[in-house]
Amino acid sequence: MPDLEDLKIFSGAAHPMLAQEVCSYVDIPVGKATISKFSNDNTFVQYQENIRQQDVFIIQPFAYPVNDSIMELLIMIDAAKRASAGRITAVIPYYAYGRSDKKDQPRVPVTARLLADLITVAGAHRVLTMDLHAGQIQGFFNIPVDELTALPLLTHYFREKKLADPVVVAVDIGISKRARDMATSLGIPLAIIEKRRIDNNDHTEVMNVIGDVAGKTAITFDDETDTAGSLTSAVRAVVNAGAKEVYSCSTHGVFTPPALDRINESNIHEMVVTDTLPSAANADSSKIKVLSVASLLGEAICRIHEGRSVGELFAEV
């Protein structure tokens, strides 16, 4: 076993269950910290153990309420810095505001870049995250960023199901490269949904299905499922194009209402997500299958702590 004496893993309030599972994998206890709010809604953080010159990892996905989760992480980073932590790694399984990655309209912010600046200024030395909405977000940071992917977990799950005549369907052109990686790994064809976004209120219009899905089992693929509006539109499109059965998967189950209602009422046979967010881990629906990322995050944390390659983790999968 590696020397983990100077490794400390702490959890924010966003997803303590995931932090507990990560610590169980690493075989160390969750670090002791007090996180609370004063009557004026100001957040208070205090570490309840010595972290001087320790390798500190803070697990905090940007879950609902998103802005509270972000602010809490920034305060935890600042508190760790002022407690003389040796190195601080922000473990952000889900990075919110990922869609705000470019100035695609007049007079709008690039919030994903703003968050990167805030995390860096707060005192983080590196970031560990999963399946960013846009690859360029890594470049927004001036500190190292390790981006993990749930693709091997999803691929393994569907390989074991041995579905009849499957085809991977990218829910839009933007996710087609990662969808192609999944299709290649499974050794099956790829189809793509061509769509046009109507406005900023998650309304989309499906335009066309590129590829053959007739008579096949479709596996729709996306990086995250929010309100499930785009997803269920894509599902209707592939069903109308002749798909005989539809499975869906994404890394992040945001599941903003009415997402679960839409999924339950749709032709989706099963929706597969990971537990990067508590909304997915606690989803109350017989159609939702949740895969754990705890071992993936735990192994990455051990490798970072020991100075070993994180990339080799995926080469071994």
C-alpha atoms as a PDB file:
ATOM      1  CA  MET A   1       0.000   0.000   0.000  1.00  0.00           C
ATOM      2  CA  PRO A   2       1.238   3.518  -0.771  1.00  0.00           C
ATOM      3  CA  ASP A   3       2.063   5.938   2.035  1.00  0.00           C
ATOM      4  CA  LEU A   4      -1.138   7.930   2.552  1.00  0.00           C
ATOM      5  CA  GLU A   5      -0.170   9.494   5.872  1.00  0.00           C
ATOM      6  CA  ASP A   6      -0.062  13.022   4.455  1.00  0.00           C
ATOM      7  CA  LEU A   7      -3.154  12.610   2.220  1.00  0.00           C
ATOM      8  CA  LYS A   8      -6.353  14.315   3.367  1.00  0.00           C
ATOM      9  CA  ILE A   9      -9.715  14.149   1.586  1.00  0.00           C
ATOM     10  CA  PHE A  10     -12.463  16.552   2.618  1.00  0.00           C
ATOM     11  CA  SER A  11     -16.043  16.899   1.433  1.00  0.00           C
ATOM     12  CA  GLY A  12     -18.116  19.977   0.811  1.00  0.00           C
ATOM     13  CA  ALA A  13     -21.836  19.850   1.511  1.00  0.00           C
ATOM     14  CA  ALA A  14     -22.814  19.200  -2.118  1.00  0.00           C
ATOM     15  CA  HIS A  15     -22.270  15.418  -2.296  1.00  0.00           C
ATOM     16  CA  PRO A  16     -20.934  13.885   0.942  1.00  0.00           C
ATOM     17  CA  MET A  17     -22.029  10.369  -0.086  1.00  0.00           C
ATOM     18  CA  LEU A  18     -19.647  10.409  -3.055  1.00  0.00           C
ATOM     19  CA  ALA A  19     -16.786  11.656  -0.857  1.00  0.00           C
ATOM     20  CA  GLN A  20     -17.453   8.823   1.602  1.00  0.00           C
ATOM     21  CA  GLU A  21     -17.305   6.246  -1.192  1.00  0.00           C
ATOM     22  CA  VAL A  22     -14.075   7.758  -2.546  1.00  0.00           C
ATOM     23  CA  CYS A  23     -12.500   7.610   0.914  1.00  0.00           C
ATOM     24  CA  SER A  24     -13.659   3.998   1.326  1.00  0.00           C
ATOM     25  CA  TYR A  25     -11.836   3.154  -1.911  1.00  0.00           C
ATOM     26  CA  VAL A  26      -8.669   4.963  -0.820  1.00  0.00           C
ATOM     27  CA  ASP A  27      -9.074   3.430   2.661  1.00  0.00           C
ATOM     28  CA  ILE A  28      -8.797   6.642   4.655  1.00  0.00           C
ATOM     29  CA  PRO A  29     -11.477   8.490   6.661  1.00  0.00           C
ATOM     30  CA  VAL A  30     -13.193  11.592   5.352  1.00  0.00           C
ATOM     31  CA  GLY A  31     -11.419  14.633   6.782  1.00  0.00           C
ATOM     32  CA  LYS A  32     -13.114  16.484   9.629  1.00  0.00           C
ATOM     33  CA  ALA A  33     -14.397  19.936   8.795  1.00  0.00           C
ATOM     34  CA  THR A  34     -17.224  22.160   9.977  1.00  0.00           C
ATOM     35  CA  ILE A  35     -19.340  23.731   7.239  1.00  0.00           C
ATOM     36  CA  SER A  36     -22.304  25.854   8.242  1.00  0.00           C
ATOM     37  CA  LYS A  37     -24.170  29.059   7.551  1.00  0.00           C
ATOM     38  CA  PHE A  38     -24.724  32.018   9.793  1.00  0.00           C
ATOM     39  CA  SER A  39     -28.180  33.554  10.127  1.00  0.00           C
ATOM     40  CA  ASN A  40     -27.235  36.116   7.458  1.00  0.00           C
ATOM     41  CA  ASP A  41     -26.603  33.266   4.935  1.00  0.00           C
ATOM     42  CA  ASN A  42     -22.806  33.703   5.087  1.00  0.00           C
ATOM     43  CA  THR A  43     -20.885  30.412   4.808  1.00  0.00           C
ATOM     44  CA  PHE A  44     -18.477  29.358   7.554  1.00  0.00           C
ATOM     45  CA  VAL A  45     -15.744  26.709   7.165  1.00  0.00           C
ATOM     46  CA  GLN A  46     -13.260  25.395   9.708  1.00  0.00           C
ATOM     47  CA  TYR A  47     -10.986  22.374   9.381  1.00  0.00           C
ATOM     48  CA  GLN A  48     -11.093  20.298  12.541  1.00  0.00           C
ATOM     49  CA  GLU A  49      -7.698  18.650  12.090  1.00  0.00           C
ATOM     50  CA  ASN A  50      -4.166  19.682  11.260  1.00  0.00           C
ATOM     51  CA  ILE A  51      -3.558  20.000   7.501  1.00  0.00           C
ATOM     52  CA  ARG A  52      -0.239  21.864   7.607  1.00  0.00           C
ATOM     53  CA  GLN A  53       1.898  20.685   4.657  1.00  0.00           C
ATOM     54  CA  GLN A  54      -0.680  17.978   3.864  1.00  0.00           C
ATOM     55  CA  ASP A  55      -1.857  16.968   0.378  1.00  0.00           C
ATOM     56  CA  VAL A  56      -5.468  18.169   0.569  1.00  0.00           C
ATOM     57  CA  PHE A  57      -8.253  17.110  -1.827  1.00  0.00           C
ATOM     58  CA  ILE A  58     -11.649  18.842  -1.565  1.00  0.00           C
ATOM     59  CA  ILE A  59     -14.541  17.000  -3.241  1.00  0.00           C
ATOM     60  CA  GLN A  60     -17.320  19.354  -4.318  1.00  0.00           C
ATOM     61  CA  PRO A  61     -19.374  18.985  -7.519  1.00  0.00           C
ATOM     62  CA  PHE A  62     -21.172  22.164  -8.525  1.00  0.00           C
ATOM     63  CA  ALA A  63     -24.569  20.750  -7.616  1.00  0.00           C
ATOM     64  CA  TYR A  64     -27.837  22.536  -6.889  1.00  0.00           C
ATOM     65  CA  PRO A  65     -27.870  25.171  -5.459  1.00  0.00           C
ATOM     66  CA  VAL A  66     -25.001  25.737  -7.863  1.00  0.00           C
ATOM     67  CA  ASN A  67     -23.815  29.150  -6.709  1.00  0.00           C
ATOM     68  CA  ASP A  68     -23.788  28.035  -3.070  1.00  0.00           C
ATOM     69  CA  SER A  69     -21.710  24.976  -4.018  1.00  0.00           C
ATOM     70  CA  ILE A  70     -19.227  27.139  -5.891  1.00  0.00           C
ATOM     71  CA  MET A  71     -18.876  29.685  -3.088  1.00  0.00           C
ATOM     72  CA  GLU A  72     -18.494  26.936  -0.507  1.00  0.00           C
ATOM     73  CA  LEU A  73     -15.640  25.362  -2.481  1.00  0.00           C
ATOM     74  CA  LEU A  74     -13.876  28.720  -2.800  1.00  0.00           C
ATOM     75  CA  ILE A  75     -14.123  29.267   0.947  1.00  0.00           C
ATOM     76  CA  MET A  76     -12.855  25.734   1.663  1.00  0.00           C
ATOM     77  CA  ILE A  77      -9.874  26.334  -0.632  1.00  0.00           C
ATOM     78  CA  ASP A  78      -9.107  29.653   1.056  1.00  0.00           C
ATOM     79  CA  ALA A  79      -9.371  28.087   4.515  1.00  0.00           C
ATOM     80  CA  ALA A  80      -7.001  25.285   3.488  1.00  0.00           C
ATOM     81  CA  LYS A  81      -4.516  27.789   2.061  1.00  0.00           C
ATOM     82  CA  ARG A  82      -4.570  29.809   5.288  1.00  0.00           C
ATOM     83  CA  ALA A  83      -4.106  26.597   7.273  1.00  0.00           C
ATOM     84  CA  SER A  84      -0.807  26.075   5.377  1.00  0.00           C
ATOM     85  CA  ALA A  85      -1.878  23.026   3.346  1.00  0.00           C
ATOM     86  CA  GLY A  86       1.020  21.775   1.249  1.00  0.00           C
ATOM     87  CA  ARG A  87      -1.051  21.308  -1.911  1.00  0.00           C
ATOM     88  CA  ILE A  88      -4.759  21.861  -2.560  1.00  0.00           C
ATOM     89  CA  THR A  89      -6.623  19.969  -5.272  1.00  0.00           C
ATOM     90  CA  ALA A  90     -10.206  20.938  -6.077  1.00  0.00           C
ATOM     91  CA  VAL A  91     -12.042  17.748  -7.031  1.00  0.00           C
ATOM     92  CA  ILE A  92     -15.022  18.914  -9.101  1.00  0.00           C
ATOM     93  CA  PRO A  93     -16.820  15.870 -10.560  1.00  0.00           C
ATOM     94  CA  TYR A  94     -19.321  18.166 -12.263  1.00  0.00           C
ATOM     95  CA  TYR A  95     -18.192  21.607 -13.497  1.00  0.00           C
ATOM     96  CA  ALA A  96     -21.234  23.864 -13.844  1.00  0.00           C
ATOM     97  CA  TYR A  97     -21.454  26.792 -16.290  1.00  0.00           C
ATOM     98  CA  GLY A  98     -19.675  24.588 -18.834  1.00  0.00           C
ATOM     99  CA  ARG A  99     -22.009  25.781 -21.569  1.00  0.00           C
ATOM    100  CA  SER A 100     -20.794  29.359 -21.024  1.00  0.00           C
ATOM    101  CA  ASP A 101     -17.436  28.553 -22.590  1.00  0.00           C
ATOM    102  CA  LYS A 102     -17.370  31.211 -25.321  1.00  0.00           C
ATOM    103  CA  LYS A 103     -18.803  34.607 -26.230  1.00  0.00           C
ATOM    104  CA  ASP A 104     -21.357  33.398 -28.763  1.00  0.00           C
ATOM    105  CA  GLN A 105     -23.741  36.358 -28.377  1.00  0.00           C
ATOM    106  CA  PRO A 106     -23.215  40.084 -27.845  1.00  0.00           C
ATOM    107  CA  ARG A 107     -22.674  41.289 -24.281  1.00  0.00           C
ATOM    108  CA  VAL A 108     -22.574  37.864 -22.576  1.00  0.00           C
ATOM    109  CA  PRO A 109     -20.016  36.481 -20.081  1.00  0.00           C
ATOM    110  CA  VAL A 110     -17.648  33.538 -20.416  1.00  0.00           C
ATOM    111  CA  THR A 111     -18.589  32.164 -17.020  1.00  0.00           C
ATOM    112  CA  ALA A 112     -16.617  28.939 -17.322  1.00  0.00           C
ATOM    113  CA  ARG A 113     -13.450  31.059 -17.570  1.00  0.00           C
ATOM    114  CA  LEU A 114     -14.555  33.256 -14.660  1.00  0.00           C
ATOM    115  CA  LEU A 115     -14.942  30.160 -12.467  1.00  0.00           C
ATOM    116  CA  ALA A 116     -11.467  28.982 -13.443  1.00  0.00           C
ATOM    117  CA  ASP A 117     -10.036  32.329 -12.357  1.00  0.00           C
ATOM    118  CA  LEU A 118     -11.922  32.245  -9.048  1.00  0.00           C
ATOM    119  CA  ILE A 119     -10.727  28.730  -8.217  1.00  0.00           C
ATOM    120  CA  THR A 120      -7.138  29.653  -9.035  1.00  0.00           C
ATOM    121  CA  VAL A 121      -7.156  32.924  -7.087  1.00  0.00           C
ATOM    122  CA  ALA A 122      -8.747  31.184  -4.103  1.00  0.00           C
ATOM    123  CA  GLY A 123      -5.588  29.091  -3.843  1.00  0.00           C
ATOM    124  CA  ALA A 124      -6.131  25.746  -5.601  1.00  0.00           C
ATOM    125  CA  HIS A 125      -2.936  24.213  -6.990  1.00  0.00           C
ATOM    126  CA  ARG A 126      -4.700  21.817  -9.362  1.00  0.00           C
ATOM    127  CA  VAL A 127      -8.154  20.609 -10.433  1.00  0.00           C
ATOM    128  CA  LEU A 128      -9.525  17.101 -10.888  1.00  0.00           C
ATOM    129  CA  THR A 129     -12.789  16.927 -12.841  1.00  0.00           C
ATOM    130  CA  MET A 130     -14.854  14.683 -15.122  1.00  0.00           C
ATOM    131  CA  ASP A 131     -16.168  15.063 -18.666  1.00  0.00           C
ATOM    132  CA  LEU A 132     -16.162  18.820 -19.118  1.00  0.00           C
ATOM    133  CA  HIS A 133     -18.864  20.133 -21.421  1.00  0.00           C
ATOM    134  CA  ALA A 134     -16.184  21.677 -23.646  1.00  0.00           C
ATOM    135  CA  GLY A 135     -12.552  20.617 -23.904  1.00  0.00           C
ATOM    136  CA  GLN A 136     -11.257  24.191 -24.059  1.00  0.00           C
ATOM    137  CA  ILE A 137     -12.283  24.747 -20.422  1.00  0.00           C
ATOM    138  CA  GLN A 138      -9.047  22.998 -19.412  1.00  0.00           C
ATOM    139  CA  GLY A 139      -7.197  25.846 -21.087  1.00  0.00           C
ATOM    140  CA  PHE A 140      -9.034  28.428 -18.984  1.00  0.00           C
ATOM    141  CA  PHE A 141      -6.909  27.380 -15.998  1.00  0.00           C
ATOM    142  CA  ASN A 142      -3.302  28.392 -15.340  1.00  0.00           C
ATOM    143  CA  ILE A 143      -2.939  25.414 -13.005  1.00  0.00           C
ATOM    144  CA  PRO A 144      -2.880  21.689 -13.934  1.00  0.00           C
ATOM    145  CA  VAL A 145      -6.256  20.133 -14.762  1.00  0.00           C
ATOM    146  CA  ASP A 146      -6.820  16.366 -14.837  1.00  0.00           C
ATOM    147  CA  GLU A 147     -10.018  15.552 -16.736  1.00  0.00           C
ATOM    148  CA  LEU A 148     -11.331  12.036 -16.168  1.00  0.00           C
ATOM    149  CA  THR A 149     -13.969  10.428 -18.360  1.00  0.00           C
ATOM    150  CA  ALA A 150     -16.816   8.059 -17.570  1.00  0.00           C
ATOM    151  CA  LEU A 151     -16.647   6.644 -21.096  1.00  0.00           C
ATOM    152  CA  PRO A 152     -14.977   3.356 -20.002  1.00  0.00           C
ATOM    153  CA  LEU A 153     -17.662   2.836 -17.336  1.00  0.00           C
ATOM    154  CA  LEU A 154     -20.499   3.449 -19.797  1.00  0.00           C
ATOM    155  CA  THR A 155     -18.869   1.373 -22.522  1.00  0.00           C
ATOM    156  CA  HIS A 156     -18.290  -1.567 -20.167  1.00  0.00           C
ATOM    157  CA  TYR A 157     -21.899  -1.417 -18.977  1.00  0.00           C
ATOM    158  CA  PHE A 158     -23.381  -1.577 -22.475  1.00  0.00           C
ATOM    159  CA  ARG A 159     -20.881  -4.192 -23.631  1.00  0.00           C
ATOM    160  CA  GLU A 160     -22.043  -6.450 -20.793  1.00  0.00           C
ATOM    161  CA  LYS A 161     -25.719  -5.959 -21.747  1.00  0.00           C
ATOM    162  CA  LYS A 162     -25.102  -7.506 -25.188  1.00  0.00           C
ATOM    163  CA  LEU A 163     -27.842  -5.469 -26.857  1.00  0.00           C
ATOM    164  CA  ALA A 164     -29.212  -6.659 -30.195  1.00  0.00           C
ATOM    165  CA  ASP A 165     -27.912  -4.697 -33.216  1.00  0.00           C
ATOM    166  CA  PRO A 166     -26.922  -1.543 -31.269  1.00  0.00           C
ATOM    167  CA  VAL A 167     -26.009   1.887 -32.629  1.00  0.00           C
ATOM    168  CA  VAL A 168     -24.644   4.866 -30.676  1.00  0.00           C
ATOM    169  CA  VAL A 169     -26.552   8.097 -31.324  1.00  0.00           C
ATOM    170  CA  ALA A 170     -24.930  11.443 -30.519  1.00  0.00           C
ATOM    171  CA  VAL A 171     -27.707  13.794 -29.369  1.00  0.00           C
ATOM    172  CA  ASP A 172     -26.045  16.673 -31.230  1.00  0.00           C
ATOM    173  CA  ILE A 173     -23.067  17.334 -33.470  1.00  0.00           C
ATOM    174  CA  GLY A 174     -21.058  18.909 -30.621  1.00  0.00           C
ATOM    175  CA  ILE A 175     -20.852  15.604 -28.712  1.00  0.00           C
ATOM    176  CA  SER A 176     -20.238  13.486 -31.816  1.00  0.00           C
ATOM    177  CA  LYS A 177     -16.478  12.993 -31.213  1.00  0.00           C
ATOM    178  CA  ARG A 178     -16.998  11.451 -27.771  1.00  0.00           C
ATOM    179  CA  ALA A 179     -19.956   9.461 -29.093  1.00  0.00           C
ATOM    180  CA  ARG A 180     -17.710   8.154 -31.866  1.00  0.00           C
ATOM    181  CA  ASP A 181     -15.151   7.085 -29.249  1.00  0.00           C
ATOM    182  CA  MET A 182     -17.862   5.075 -27.511  1.00  0.00           C
ATOM    183  CA  ALA A 183     -19.065   3.550 -30.776  1.00  0.00           C
ATOM    184  CA  THR A 184     -15.505   2.628 -31.736  1.00  0.00           C
ATOM    185  CA  SER A 185     -14.874   1.041 -28.354  1.00  0.00           C
ATOM    186  CA  LEU A 186     -18.056  -1.013 -28.668  1.00  0.00           C
ATOM    187  CA  GLY A 187     -17.362  -1.814 -32.323  1.00  0.00           C
ATOM    188  CA  ILE A 188     -20.759  -0.521 -33.482  1.00  0.00           C
ATOM    189  CA  PRO A 189     -21.940   2.234 -35.866  1.00  0.00           C
ATOM    190  CA  LEU A 190     -22.599   5.882 -35.026  1.00  0.00           C
ATOM    191  CA  ALA A 191     -25.553   8.103 -35.850  1.00  0.00           C
ATOM    192  CA  ILE A 192     -25.902  11.828 -35.097  1.00  0.00           C
ATOM    193  CA  ILE A 193     -28.889  14.020 -34.305  1.00  0.00           C
ATOM    194  CA  GLU A 194     -28.714  17.329 -36.152  1.00  0.00           C
ATOM    195  CA  LYS A 195     -30.559  19.996 -34.197  1.00  0.00           C
ATOM    196  CA  ARG A 196     -30.893  23.741 -33.914  1.00  0.00           C
ATOM    197  CA  ARG A 197     -31.237  25.590 -30.596  1.00  0.00           C
ATOM    198  CA  ILE A 198     -34.138  28.026 -30.719  1.00  0.00           C
ATOM    199  CA  ASP A 199     -33.385  30.242 -27.699  1.00  0.00           C
ATOM    200  CA  ASN A 200     -31.640  30.338 -24.327  1.00  0.00           C
ATOM    201  CA  ASN A 201     -34.429  28.430 -22.545  1.00  0.00           C
ATOM    202  CA  ASP A 202     -33.320  24.879 -23.393  1.00  0.00           C
ATOM    203  CA  HIS A 203     -35.755  24.687 -26.322  1.00  0.00           C
ATOM    204  CA  THR A 204     -34.396  22.801 -29.315  1.00  0.00           C
ATOM    205  CA  GLU A 205     -35.771  21.687 -32.631  1.00  0.00           C
ATOM    206  CA  VAL A 206     -34.603  18.328 -33.939  1.00  0.00           C
ATOM    207  CA  MET A 207     -33.786  18.620 -37.616  1.00  0.00           C
ATOM    208  CA  ASN A 208     -32.523  15.255 -38.857  1.00  0.00           C
ATOM    209  CA  VAL A 209     -31.066  11.860 -37.938  1.00  0.00           C
ATOM    210  CA  ILE A 210     -27.780  11.315 -39.753  1.00  0.00           C
ATOM    211  CA  GLY A 211     -27.124   7.581 -39.989  1.00  0.00           C
ATOM    212  CA  ASP A 212     -29.115   4.360 -39.987  1.00  0.00           C
ATOM    213  CA  VAL A 213     -31.098   3.505 -36.846  1.00  0.00           C
ATOM    214  CA  ALA A 214     -33.984   1.578 -38.444  1.00  0.00           C
ATOM    215  CA  GLY A 215     -34.569  -1.741 -36.707  1.00  0.00           C
ATOM    216  CA  LYS A 216     -31.649  -1.140 -34.323  1.00  0.00           C
ATOM    217  CA  THR A 217     -31.230  -0.622 -30.589  1.00  0.00           C
ATOM    218  CA  ALA A 218     -30.243   3.024 -30.182  1.00  0.00           C
ATOM    219  CA  ILE A 219     -27.968   4.191 -27.371  1.00  0.00           C
ATOM    220  CA  THR A 220     -28.212   7.988 -27.152  1.00  0.00           C
ATOM    221  CA  PHE A 221     -25.090   9.668 -25.771  1.00  0.00           C
ATOM    222  CA  ASP A 222     -24.458  13.072 -24.203  1.00  0.00           C
ATOM    223  CA  ASP A 223     -22.161  14.538 -21.541  1.00  0.00           C
ATOM    224  CA  GLU A 224     -25.024  15.684 -19.308  1.00  0.00           C
ATOM    225  CA  THR A 225     -28.793  15.438 -19.005  1.00  0.00           C
ATOM    226  CA  ASP A 226     -30.394  18.579 -17.576  1.00  0.00           C
ATOM    227  CA  THR A 227     -34.120  19.068 -18.200  1.00  0.00           C
ATOM    228  CA  ALA A 228     -34.115  16.126 -20.674  1.00  0.00           C
ATOM    229  CA  GLY A 229     -35.795  18.288 -23.309  1.00  0.00           C
ATOM    230  CA  SER A 230     -33.075  17.725 -25.903  1.00  0.00           C
ATOM    231  CA  LEU A 231     -32.805  14.066 -24.902  1.00  0.00           C
ATOM    232  CA  THR A 232     -36.470  13.244 -25.303  1.00  0.00           C
ATOM    233  CA  SER A 233     -36.586  15.149 -28.602  1.00  0.00           C
ATOM    234  CA  ALA A 234     -33.666  13.024 -29.804  1.00  0.00           C
ATOM    235  CA  VAL A 235     -35.401   9.860 -28.608  1.00  0.00           C
ATOM    236  CA  ARG A 236     -38.555  10.781 -30.540  1.00  0.00           C
ATOM    237  CA  ALA A 237     -36.433  11.389 -33.620  1.00  0.00           C
ATOM    238  CA  VAL A 238     -34.720   7.984 -33.525  1.00  0.00           C
ATOM    239  CA  VAL A 239     -38.023   6.219 -32.795  1.00  0.00           C
ATOM    240  CA  ASN A 240     -39.597   8.003 -35.765  1.00  0.00           C
ATOM    241  CA  ALA A 241     -36.579   6.904 -37.810  1.00  0.00           C
ATOM    242  CA  GLY A 242     -37.354   3.265 -36.980  1.00  0.00           C
ATOM    243  CA  ALA A 243     -35.278   2.403 -33.896  1.00  0.00           C
ATOM    244  CA  LYS A 244     -36.861  -0.595 -32.156  1.00  0.00           C
ATOM    245  CA  GLU A 245     -35.566   0.190 -28.656  1.00  0.00           C
ATOM    246  CA  VAL A 246     -33.806   3.162 -27.038  1.00  0.00           C
ATOM    247  CA  TYR A 247     -31.287   3.316 -24.191  1.00  0.00           C
ATOM    248  CA  SER A 248     -29.733   6.610 -23.102  1.00  0.00           C
ATOM    249  CA  CYS A 249     -26.558   7.515 -21.252  1.00  0.00           C
ATOM    250  CA  SER A 250     -24.670  10.540 -20.028  1.00  0.00           C
ATOM    251  CA  THR A 251     -21.984  11.227 -17.451  1.00  0.00           C
ATOM    252  CA  HIS A 252     -23.829  13.866 -15.446  1.00  0.00           C
ATOM    253  CA  GLY A 253     -27.448  13.424 -14.403  1.00  0.00           C
ATOM    254  CA  VAL A 254     -28.393  17.015 -13.555  1.00  0.00           C
ATOM    255  CA  PHE A 255     -32.090  16.121 -13.775  1.00  0.00           C
ATOM    256  CA  THR A 256     -33.608  19.562 -13.350  1.00  0.00           C
ATOM    257  CA  PRO A 257     -37.415  19.225 -13.165  1.00  0.00           C
ATOM    258  CA  PRO A 258     -39.273  18.053 -15.172  1.00  0.00           C
ATOM    259  CA  ALA A 259     -36.427  15.803 -16.387  1.00  0.00           C
ATOM    260  CA  LEU A 260     -37.466  12.622 -14.568  1.00  0.00           C
ATOM    261  CA  ASP A 261     -41.091  13.039 -15.634  1.00  0.00           C
ATOM    262  CA  ARG A 262     -39.989  13.425 -19.244  1.00  0.00           C
ATOM    263  CA  ILE A 263     -37.744  10.364 -19.038  1.00  0.00           C
ATOM    264  CA  ASN A 264     -40.456   8.262 -17.381  1.00  0.00           C
ATOM    265  CA  GLU A 265     -43.002   9.255 -20.037  1.00  0.00           C
ATOM    266  CA  SER A 266     -40.593   8.727 -22.958  1.00  0.00           C
ATOM    267  CA  ASN A 267     -39.664   5.656 -24.997  1.00  0.00           C
ATOM    268  CA  ILE A 268     -36.357   5.369 -23.113  1.00  0.00           C
ATOM    269  CA  HIS A 269     -35.981   1.810 -21.836  1.00  0.00           C
ATOM    270  CA  GLU A 270     -33.138   2.725 -19.469  1.00  0.00           C
ATOM    271  CA  MET A 271     -31.242   5.923 -18.643  1.00  0.00           C
ATOM    272  CA  VAL A 272     -27.647   5.285 -17.511  1.00  0.00           C
ATOM    273  CA  VAL A 273     -25.755   8.026 -15.651  1.00  0.00           C
ATOM    274  CA  THR A 274     -22.984   8.255 -13.055  1.00  0.00           C
ATOM    275  CA  ASP A 275     -23.131   9.580  -9.505  1.00  0.00           C
ATOM    276  CA  THR A 276     -21.099  12.738 -10.111  1.00  0.00           C
ATOM    277  CA  LEU A 277     -24.146  14.624  -8.814  1.00  0.00           C
ATOM    278  CA  PRO A 278     -26.490  13.837  -5.918  1.00  0.00           C
ATOM    279  CA  SER A 279     -29.472  14.469  -8.198  1.00  0.00           C
ATOM    280  CA  ALA A 280     -28.469  11.348 -10.131  1.00  0.00           C
ATOM    281  CA  ALA A 281     -27.475   9.286  -7.094  1.00  0.00           C
ATOM    282  CA  ASN A 282     -30.854  10.008  -5.459  1.00  0.00           C
ATOM    283  CA  ALA A 283     -33.040   9.873  -8.590  1.00  0.00           C
ATOM    284  CA  ASP A 284     -36.344   8.132  -7.852  1.00  0.00           C
ATOM    285  CA  SER A 285     -37.143   6.373 -11.099  1.00  0.00           C
ATOM    286  CA  SER A 286     -37.075   2.727 -12.160  1.00  0.00           C
ATOM    287  CA  LYS A 287     -35.636   3.818 -15.518  1.00  0.00           C
ATOM    288  CA  ILE A 288     -32.479   5.345 -13.990  1.00  0.00           C
ATOM    289  CA  LYS A 289     -29.335   3.228 -13.651  1.00  0.00           C
ATOM    290  CA  VAL A 290     -26.508   4.904 -11.720  1.00  0.00           C
ATOM    291  CA  LEU A 291     -22.853   3.857 -12.103  1.00  0.00           C
ATOM    292  CA  SER A 292     -20.364   4.821  -9.395  1.00  0.00           C
ATOM    293  CA  VAL A 293     -17.330   6.966 -10.209  1.00  0.00           C
ATOM    294  CA  ALA A 294     -15.893   6.611  -6.680  1.00  0.00           C
ATOM    295  CA  SER A 295     -13.208   4.103  -7.658  1.00  0.00           C
ATOM    296  CA  LEU A 296     -12.216   6.215 -10.669  1.00  0.00           C
ATOM    297  CA  LEU A 297     -11.876   9.367  -8.570  1.00  0.00           C
ATOM    298  CA  GLY A 298     -10.174   7.459  -5.760  1.00  0.00           C
ATOM    299  CA  GLU A 299      -7.601   5.918  -8.078  1.00  0.00           C
ATOM    300  CA  ALA A 300      -6.922   9.300  -9.703  1.00  0.00           C
ATOM    301  CA  ILE A 301      -6.442  10.907  -6.275  1.00  0.00           C
ATOM    302  CA  CYS A 302      -3.958   8.192  -5.292  1.00  0.00           C
ATOM    303  CA  ARG A 303      -2.039   8.642  -8.542  1.00  0.00           C
ATOM    304  CA  ILE A 304      -1.889  12.426  -8.166  1.00  0.00           C
ATOM    305  CA  HIS A 305      -0.766  12.058  -4.550  1.00  0.00           C
ATOM    306  CA  GLU A 306       1.972   9.618  -5.527  1.00  0.00           C
ATOM    307  CA  GLY A 307       3.093  11.562  -8.604  1.00  0.00           C
ATOM    308  CA  ARG A 308       2.021   8.832 -11.020  1.00  0.00           C
ATOM    309  CA  SER A 309       0.354   9.235 -14.409  1.00  0.00           C
ATOM    310  CA  VAL A 310      -3.405   9.744 -14.433  1.00  0.00           C
ATOM    311  CA  GLY A 311      -3.512   9.095 -18.183  1.00  0.00           C
ATOM    312  CA  GLU A 312      -2.285   5.550 -17.649  1.00  0.00           C
ATOM    313  CA  LEU A 313      -5.452   4.920 -15.649  1.00  0.00           C
ATOM    314  CA  PHE A 314      -7.431   4.920 -18.886  1.00  0.00           C
ATOM    315  CA  ALA A 315      -4.818   2.987 -20.799  1.00  0.00           C
ATOM    316  CA  GLU A 316      -5.345   0.174 -18.311  1.00  0.00           C
ATOM    317  CA  VAL A 317      -9.144   0.138 -18.565  1.00  0.00           C
END
